[in-house]
Amino acid sequence: MNDKIRGRPDFLLLFLTFFLVGFGLVMIFSASYPVSISKHQGPWHYVVKQGIFALIGLFAMSFFMIVPYSRLKKVAPLLLLISLLLLLFVLIEGGSINGAKRWFSVAGFTLQPSEFVKLTVIVYLSTIISRKGEGIRNFKRGLLPIMAVVGLIILLVLKQPDFGTVLILTGIAVSVLLVGNTDLRHLLLLGLALIPVFVYLAFSKSYRLARISSFLNPFDDPQGSGYQVIQSLYAFQHGGVTGTGIGHSVQKLFYLPEAHTDFIFAIIGEELGFVGTTLVMIAFFLYIWRGFTASVRCKDDPFGFMLGMGIVMMIFFQFMLNAGAAIGSLPVTGVPLPFISYGGSSLILCLACTGILLNISRANARRRQETR
């Protein structure tokens, strides 16, 4: 395929992205201003930083929307090397927050390498599988070497520790392998082998066990492991159908920890009610639908098809893990709500990935023009 792209992008996907980012800035200001005033002597600290990250992310989105996505195949080994080095660096030199070493600071901003590793895994798997073709169905020469590399990345992320990202990376890998025509029997056997590993990981650390316990019944320890989930549920209850109105949340007044990050969905539920959370869910599912549509239309290009599907599933898994934790349907994993939660690394990654999806949709439009 000619690398020159003349087609138009998916404008609905573009609109949804701007809507989610803009809405996220509004909700971050609303959810963060009490803690911002308390810690930074002003209400604007977090929303200004998120705005800067949004501008960087929009630049990344524009870049990836214009540069043909096929060129990512050429840089896949470099991306893999950089990702491994960053994961090692953050384990050695990264700052520790609540016992986790996931971040390091650059010019006053905190970056989380494990966020960008998600895209690396998608690009790496899409590149290798598209090159192997039917060879991916051979377990020893196809699947096993790939899983060894992904396993190394997951191990480094687990050492931080970041179990939420491990779950997303696993989901991404399985999704790309499935659409990449991997032998389903091999995946099932691999899944069965990994079940004891995930069970061990879930129960080997006291804080993970506490999160599972709080998920099953948060009211068993209302002032301990269940506190965050209970306060989140109170937020949804207080919001009711139509919410208390933007800026009128009670739970963000130091009752609900991480109100502007991991639990911003609960603040949306409190301030905008069932109506607001439903609209946000519709926006996400429309985004996923448009991304899925762009990917499927690219099925004649295996690399583009797997690349797009990997990104769509990444956004889907992150949304489900975050929203599920907020409403008490899933254990708390610390996964941010895409586009909306405060966090520069997550926002830049989501916007860069959106640029790739828009690039794929432009390539699809170009193909349709050429066949007329």
Protein backbone atom coordinates (compact mmCIF):
# COMPACT_ATOMS: atom_id res chain seq x y z
CA MET A 1 0.00 0.00 0.00
CA ASN A 2 1.22 3.50 -0.82
CA ASP A 3 2.21 5.27 2.41
CA LYS A 4 0.73 8.57 1.25
CA ILE A 5 -2.60 9.09 3.00
CA ARG A 6 -5.21 11.37 1.46
CA GLY A 7 -8.40 10.08 3.08
CA ARG A 8 -10.38 11.92 5.72
CA PRO A 9 -10.32 10.73 9.34
CA ASP A 10 -13.32 9.46 11.28
CA PHE A 11 -14.84 12.76 12.46
CA LEU A 12 -17.13 11.08 14.99
CA LEU A 13 -14.10 9.43 16.62
CA LEU A 14 -12.30 12.78 16.58
CA PHE A 15 -15.31 14.57 18.13
CA LEU A 16 -15.67 11.91 20.85
CA THR A 17 -11.99 12.30 21.71
CA PHE A 18 -12.25 16.08 22.08
CA PHE A 19 -15.44 15.66 24.10
CA LEU A 20 -13.86 13.17 26.53
CA VAL A 21 -10.71 15.26 26.99
CA GLY A 22 -12.66 18.50 27.48
CA PHE A 23 -15.10 16.82 29.84
CA GLY A 24 -12.16 15.34 31.71
CA LEU A 25 -10.60 18.77 32.26
CA VAL A 26 -13.89 20.07 33.69
CA MET A 27 -14.24 17.08 36.02
CA ILE A 28 -10.60 17.20 37.12
CA PHE A 29 -11.01 20.82 38.16
CA SER A 30 -14.24 20.02 39.98
CA ALA A 31 -12.84 16.92 41.70
CA SER A 32 -9.37 18.28 42.52
CA TYR A 33 -9.81 21.85 43.70
CA PRO A 34 -10.19 20.99 47.43
CA VAL A 35 -6.95 18.98 47.50
CA SER A 36 -5.31 21.50 45.17
CA ILE A 37 -6.10 24.36 47.56
CA SER A 38 -4.91 22.26 50.49
CA LYS A 39 -1.61 21.15 48.95
CA HIS A 40 -0.81 23.84 46.37
CA GLN A 41 -2.47 27.02 47.70
CA GLY A 42 -4.75 27.39 44.71
CA PRO A 43 -7.54 25.56 42.87
CA TRP A 44 -5.88 25.34 39.44
CA HIS A 45 -2.79 23.16 40.02
CA TYR A 46 -4.05 19.82 38.69
CA VAL A 47 -6.22 21.10 35.85
CA VAL A 48 -3.39 23.32 34.54
CA LYS A 49 -0.96 20.40 34.53
CA GLN A 50 -3.55 18.19 32.86
CA GLY A 51 -4.12 20.92 30.28
CA ILE A 52 -0.40 20.93 29.46
CA PHE A 53 -0.47 17.15 29.10
CA ALA A 54 -3.54 17.47 26.87
CA LEU A 55 -1.66 19.83 24.53
CA ILE A 56 1.27 17.40 24.37
CA GLY A 57 -1.17 14.56 23.75
CA LEU A 58 -2.94 16.46 20.98
CA PHE A 59 0.40 17.06 19.30
CA ALA A 60 1.13 13.31 19.58
CA MET A 61 -2.33 12.53 18.19
CA SER A 62 -1.76 14.82 15.21
CA PHE A 63 1.64 13.26 14.56
CA PHE A 64 0.33 9.70 14.61
CA MET A 65 -2.70 10.66 12.54
CA ILE A 66 -0.47 12.05 9.75
CA VAL A 67 2.53 9.68 9.70
CA PRO A 68 1.46 6.36 8.08
CA TYR A 69 0.87 3.74 10.75
CA SER A 70 2.77 1.16 8.67
CA ARG A 71 6.01 2.87 9.66
CA LEU A 72 5.51 1.69 13.23
CA LYS A 73 6.62 -1.75 12.04
CA LYS A 74 10.10 -0.36 11.38
CA VAL A 75 10.48 1.08 14.88
CA ALA A 76 8.92 -1.83 16.80
CA PRO A 77 12.32 -3.24 17.94
CA LEU A 78 13.44 0.24 19.05
CA LEU A 79 10.19 0.81 20.96
CA LEU A 80 10.66 -2.55 22.67
CA LEU A 81 14.24 -1.73 23.68
CA ILE A 82 13.31 1.74 25.00
CA SER A 83 10.38 0.31 26.95
CA LEU A 84 12.52 -2.35 28.62
CA LEU A 85 15.17 0.24 29.53
CA LEU A 86 12.55 2.61 30.99
CA LEU A 87 10.99 -0.19 33.04
CA LEU A 88 14.42 -1.08 34.42
CA PHE A 89 15.23 2.58 35.07
CA VAL A 90 12.05 3.22 37.03
CA LEU A 91 12.74 0.17 39.21
CA ILE A 92 16.24 1.47 39.99
CA GLU A 93 15.80 5.24 40.10
CA GLY A 94 12.04 5.80 40.19
CA GLY A 95 10.30 7.61 43.01
CA SER A 96 8.33 5.53 45.51
CA ILE A 97 4.70 6.46 46.25
CA ASN A 98 2.77 4.27 48.71
CA GLY A 99 5.39 1.55 48.27
CA ALA A 100 5.14 1.48 44.45
CA LYS A 101 7.97 2.52 42.10
CA ARG A 102 6.11 3.39 38.90
CA TRP A 103 7.12 6.98 38.20
CA PHE A 104 10.06 9.26 37.61
CA SER A 105 10.17 13.04 37.30
CA VAL A 106 11.19 15.07 34.25
CA ALA A 107 11.19 18.89 34.47
CA GLY A 108 8.71 18.83 37.33
CA PHE A 109 6.34 16.40 35.61
CA THR A 110 5.81 12.79 36.62
CA LEU A 111 5.93 10.11 33.91
CA GLN A 112 4.80 6.50 34.20
CA PRO A 113 6.63 4.24 31.70
CA SER A 114 4.21 1.33 32.15
CA GLU A 115 1.50 3.41 30.44
CA PHE A 116 3.53 3.77 27.23
CA VAL A 117 4.54 0.10 27.38
CA LYS A 118 0.92 -0.77 26.53
CA LEU A 119 1.36 0.73 23.06
CA THR A 120 4.75 -0.96 22.71
CA VAL A 121 3.18 -4.38 23.34
CA ILE A 122 0.44 -3.67 20.78
CA VAL A 123 2.94 -2.55 18.11
CA TYR A 124 5.36 -5.40 18.86
CA LEU A 125 2.70 -8.13 18.72
CA SER A 126 1.07 -6.68 15.59
CA THR A 127 4.45 -6.48 13.85
CA ILE A 128 5.68 -9.96 14.76
CA ILE A 129 2.38 -11.74 14.10
CA SER A 130 1.85 -10.00 10.74
CA ARG A 131 5.35 -11.08 9.69
CA LYS A 132 4.98 -14.65 10.91
CA GLY A 133 1.68 -15.15 9.13
CA GLU A 134 0.56 -18.77 9.48
CA GLY A 135 3.77 -19.43 11.42
CA ILE A 136 2.08 -17.99 14.52
CA ARG A 137 0.08 -21.22 14.74
CA ASN A 138 3.26 -23.13 15.55
CA PHE A 139 3.59 -23.13 19.33
CA LYS A 140 7.38 -23.45 19.69
CA ARG A 141 8.45 -21.16 16.85
CA GLY A 142 5.41 -18.88 16.80
CA LEU A 143 3.65 -18.30 20.09
CA LEU A 144 6.29 -19.24 22.66
CA PRO A 145 8.98 -16.67 21.68
CA ILE A 146 6.37 -13.91 21.59
CA MET A 147 5.02 -14.78 25.02
CA ALA A 148 8.54 -14.89 26.42
CA VAL A 149 9.04 -11.22 25.45
CA VAL A 150 5.59 -10.17 26.71
CA GLY A 151 6.20 -12.18 29.88
CA LEU A 152 9.44 -10.28 30.53
CA ILE A 153 7.61 -6.95 30.18
CA ILE A 154 4.82 -8.13 32.50
CA LEU A 155 7.39 -9.30 35.05
CA LEU A 156 9.08 -5.89 35.11
CA VAL A 157 5.71 -4.15 35.52
CA LEU A 158 4.77 -6.57 38.28
CA LYS A 159 7.97 -5.68 40.15
CA GLN A 160 6.83 -2.04 40.46
CA PRO A 161 4.20 -3.38 41.48
CA ASP A 162 1.31 -2.48 39.12
CA PHE A 163 -1.16 -5.33 38.99
CA GLY A 164 -3.76 -3.26 37.12
CA THR A 165 -1.39 -2.68 34.20
CA VAL A 166 -0.44 -6.37 34.27
CA LEU A 167 -4.12 -7.27 33.77
CA ILE A 168 -4.43 -4.81 30.88
CA LEU A 169 -1.21 -6.02 29.22
CA THR A 170 -2.45 -9.60 29.51
CA GLY A 171 -5.81 -8.64 28.02
CA ILE A 172 -4.11 -6.77 25.17
CA ALA A 173 -1.81 -9.70 24.40
CA VAL A 174 -4.67 -12.22 24.35
CA SER A 175 -6.82 -9.93 22.17
CA VAL A 176 -4.11 -9.32 19.57
CA LEU A 177 -3.19 -13.01 19.50
CA LEU A 178 -6.84 -13.96 18.98
CA VAL A 179 -7.37 -11.61 16.04
CA GLY A 180 -3.92 -12.61 14.76
CA ASN A 181 -5.18 -16.14 13.99
CA THR A 182 -3.26 -17.83 16.80
CA ASP A 183 -4.25 -21.44 17.43
CA LEU A 184 -7.05 -21.23 19.98
CA ARG A 185 -5.94 -24.49 21.64
CA HIS A 186 -2.55 -22.98 22.39
CA LEU A 187 -4.14 -19.91 23.96
CA LEU A 188 -6.47 -22.05 26.07
CA LEU A 189 -3.58 -24.17 27.32
CA LEU A 190 -1.58 -21.02 28.06
CA GLY A 191 -4.56 -19.54 29.88
CA LEU A 192 -4.98 -22.65 32.01
CA ALA A 193 -1.28 -22.53 32.87
CA LEU A 194 -1.54 -18.87 33.89
CA ILE A 195 -4.56 -19.28 36.19
CA PRO A 196 -2.47 -20.57 39.15
CA VAL A 197 0.01 -17.73 38.55
CA PHE A 198 -2.68 -15.04 38.75
CA VAL A 199 -4.26 -16.71 41.78
CA TYR A 200 -0.87 -16.70 43.50
CA LEU A 201 -0.24 -13.07 42.57
CA ALA A 202 -3.68 -12.03 43.79
CA PHE A 203 -3.26 -13.68 47.18
CA SER A 204 0.50 -13.37 47.73
CA LYS A 205 0.41 -9.73 48.85
CA SER A 206 -1.67 -8.53 51.79
CA TYR A 207 -2.82 -5.34 50.05
CA ARG A 208 -4.11 -7.32 47.04
CA LEU A 209 -5.91 -9.71 49.36
CA ALA A 210 -7.43 -6.72 51.14
CA ARG A 211 -8.67 -5.32 47.81
CA ILE A 212 -10.31 -8.64 46.95
CA SER A 213 -11.88 -8.79 50.41
CA SER A 214 -13.16 -5.21 50.10
CA PHE A 215 -14.58 -6.05 46.68
CA LEU A 216 -16.49 -9.05 48.05
CA ASN A 217 -17.81 -7.12 51.05
CA PRO A 218 -16.41 -3.62 51.65
CA PHE A 219 -18.50 -3.21 54.81
CA ASP A 220 -16.47 -5.91 56.58
CA ASP A 221 -13.73 -3.29 57.03
CA PRO A 222 -15.42 0.10 56.52
CA GLN A 223 -12.54 2.14 57.94
CA GLY A 224 -9.80 0.08 56.28
CA SER A 225 -9.70 -1.79 52.99
CA GLY A 226 -13.37 -1.15 52.26
CA TYR A 227 -13.28 2.60 52.92
CA GLN A 228 -12.56 3.75 49.37
CA VAL A 229 -15.23 1.58 47.76
CA ILE A 230 -17.83 2.56 50.37
CA GLN A 231 -17.18 6.27 49.85
CA SER A 232 -17.42 5.73 46.10
CA LEU A 233 -20.80 4.01 46.49
CA TYR A 234 -21.96 6.88 48.71
CA ALA A 235 -21.05 9.27 45.89
CA PHE A 236 -23.27 7.42 43.41
CA GLN A 237 -26.08 7.22 45.98
CA HIS A 238 -25.84 10.95 46.70
CA GLY A 239 -25.90 11.77 42.99
CA GLY A 240 -29.09 9.86 42.30
CA VAL A 241 -30.60 10.30 38.86
CA THR A 242 -29.59 13.83 37.90
CA GLY A 243 -26.72 14.55 40.30
CA THR A 244 -25.93 17.39 42.67
CA GLY A 245 -24.54 19.62 39.90
CA ILE A 246 -21.00 20.37 38.73
CA GLY A 247 -18.86 21.47 41.65
CA HIS A 248 -21.29 20.34 44.34
CA SER A 249 -19.82 16.95 45.24
CA VAL A 250 -19.48 16.24 48.96
CA GLN A 251 -17.29 13.15 48.63
CA LYS A 252 -14.42 15.09 47.06
CA LEU A 253 -14.12 17.10 50.29
CA PHE A 254 -11.51 14.62 51.60
CA TYR A 255 -13.97 11.76 52.08
CA LEU A 256 -13.16 9.87 48.86
CA PRO A 257 -9.39 9.35 48.34
CA GLU A 258 -8.04 9.79 44.79
CA ALA A 259 -11.20 11.61 43.74
CA HIS A 260 -9.54 13.22 40.70
CA THR A 261 -7.60 10.13 39.61
CA ASP A 262 -8.73 6.54 40.20
CA PHE A 263 -12.24 7.43 41.42
CA ILE A 264 -13.22 10.33 39.20
CA PHE A 265 -16.05 8.19 37.80
CA ALA A 266 -17.65 8.30 41.27
CA ILE A 267 -17.47 12.11 41.29
CA ILE A 268 -19.14 12.13 37.86
CA GLY A 269 -21.86 9.93 39.33
CA GLU A 270 -22.32 12.27 42.30
CA GLU A 271 -22.32 15.55 40.38
CA LEU A 272 -24.08 14.43 37.18
CA GLY A 273 -25.99 11.42 38.48
CA PHE A 274 -27.14 8.38 36.56
CA VAL A 275 -27.80 10.56 33.52
CA GLY A 276 -24.21 11.85 33.44
CA THR A 277 -22.55 8.47 33.94
CA THR A 278 -24.79 6.98 31.24
CA LEU A 279 -23.75 9.70 28.77
CA VAL A 280 -20.08 9.06 29.58
CA MET A 281 -20.56 5.33 29.04
CA ILE A 282 -22.29 5.99 25.72
CA ALA A 283 -19.38 8.21 24.65
CA PHE A 284 -16.88 5.45 25.48
CA PHE A 285 -18.86 2.74 23.72
CA LEU A 286 -19.26 4.96 20.65
CA TYR A 287 -15.50 5.52 20.71
CA ILE A 288 -14.89 1.77 20.95
CA TRP A 289 -17.41 1.11 18.17
CA ARG A 290 -15.75 3.59 15.81
CA GLY A 291 -12.30 2.20 16.63
CA PHE A 292 -13.55 -1.34 16.10
CA THR A 293 -15.15 -0.35 12.78
CA ALA A 294 -11.93 1.28 11.55
CA SER A 295 -9.94 -1.81 12.53
CA VAL A 296 -12.29 -4.30 10.86
CA ARG A 297 -12.30 -2.28 7.64
CA CYS A 298 -8.52 -2.63 7.67
CA LYS A 299 -8.69 -6.43 7.76
CA ASP A 300 -6.90 -6.74 4.41
CA ASP A 301 -3.84 -5.29 6.19
CA PRO A 302 -3.11 -7.70 9.09
CA PHE A 303 -0.76 -5.24 10.82
CA GLY A 304 -3.30 -2.40 10.79
CA PHE A 305 -6.13 -4.73 11.81
CA MET A 306 -4.26 -6.05 14.86
CA LEU A 307 -2.87 -2.62 15.75
CA GLY A 308 -6.33 -1.05 15.78
CA MET A 309 -7.94 -3.93 17.67
CA GLY A 310 -5.19 -3.86 20.29
CA ILE A 311 -5.79 -0.15 20.91
CA VAL A 312 -9.57 -0.57 21.05
CA MET A 313 -9.28 -3.40 23.57
CA MET A 314 -6.81 -1.40 25.67
CA ILE A 315 -9.30 1.47 26.00
CA PHE A 316 -12.12 -1.00 26.68
CA PHE A 317 -10.23 -2.85 29.43
CA GLN A 318 -9.17 0.39 31.11
CA PHE A 319 -12.69 1.78 31.08
CA MET A 320 -14.20 -1.42 32.45
CA LEU A 321 -11.60 -1.84 35.21
CA ASN A 322 -11.94 1.78 36.36
CA ALA A 323 -15.74 2.04 36.18
CA GLY A 324 -16.17 -1.46 37.60
CA ALA A 325 -14.02 -0.61 40.63
CA ALA A 326 -15.91 2.66 41.21
CA ILE A 327 -19.31 0.93 41.35
CA GLY A 328 -17.96 -2.01 43.39
CA SER A 329 -18.34 -4.58 40.61
CA LEU A 330 -14.59 -5.23 40.28
CA PRO A 331 -11.64 -5.06 42.69
CA VAL A 332 -9.76 -1.77 42.89
CA THR A 333 -6.68 -1.90 40.63
CA GLY A 334 -5.66 1.76 40.37
CA VAL A 335 -6.35 1.92 36.63
CA PRO A 336 -7.22 5.46 35.42
CA LEU A 337 -10.34 6.31 33.46
CA PRO A 338 -9.12 6.91 29.87
CA PHE A 339 -9.04 10.57 28.75
CA ILE A 340 -10.74 11.73 31.98
CA SER A 341 -8.69 10.79 35.07
CA TYR A 342 -5.86 13.09 36.10
CA GLY A 343 -2.56 11.68 34.85
CA GLY A 344 -0.34 12.90 32.06
CA SER A 345 1.10 9.57 30.95
CA SER A 346 -2.33 7.99 30.54
CA LEU A 347 -3.74 11.00 28.67
CA ILE A 348 -0.79 11.26 26.27
CA LEU A 349 -0.96 7.52 25.57
CA CYS A 350 -4.72 7.59 24.89
CA LEU A 351 -4.41 10.56 22.54
CA ALA A 352 -1.44 9.05 20.70
CA CYS A 353 -3.39 5.80 20.27
CA THR A 354 -6.40 7.77 19.02
CA GLY A 355 -4.11 9.31 16.41
CA ILE A 356 -3.24 5.82 15.20
CA LEU A 357 -6.93 4.86 14.97
CA LEU A 358 -7.62 8.06 13.00
CA ASN A 359 -4.68 7.17 10.76
CA ILE A 360 -6.18 3.74 10.13
CA SER A 361 -9.55 5.32 9.32
CA ARG A 362 -7.84 7.69 6.85
CA ALA A 363 -6.13 4.75 5.18
CA ASN A 364 -9.49 3.00 4.89
CA ALA A 365 -11.02 6.09 3.27
CA ARG A 366 -8.12 6.22 0.83
CA ARG A 367 -8.63 2.56 -0.13
CA ARG A 368 -12.31 3.22 -0.79
CA GLN A 369 -11.38 6.19 -3.01
CA GLU A 370 -8.94 4.04 -5.01
CA THR A 371 -11.53 1.30 -5.63
CA ARG A 372 -14.13 3.71 -7.05
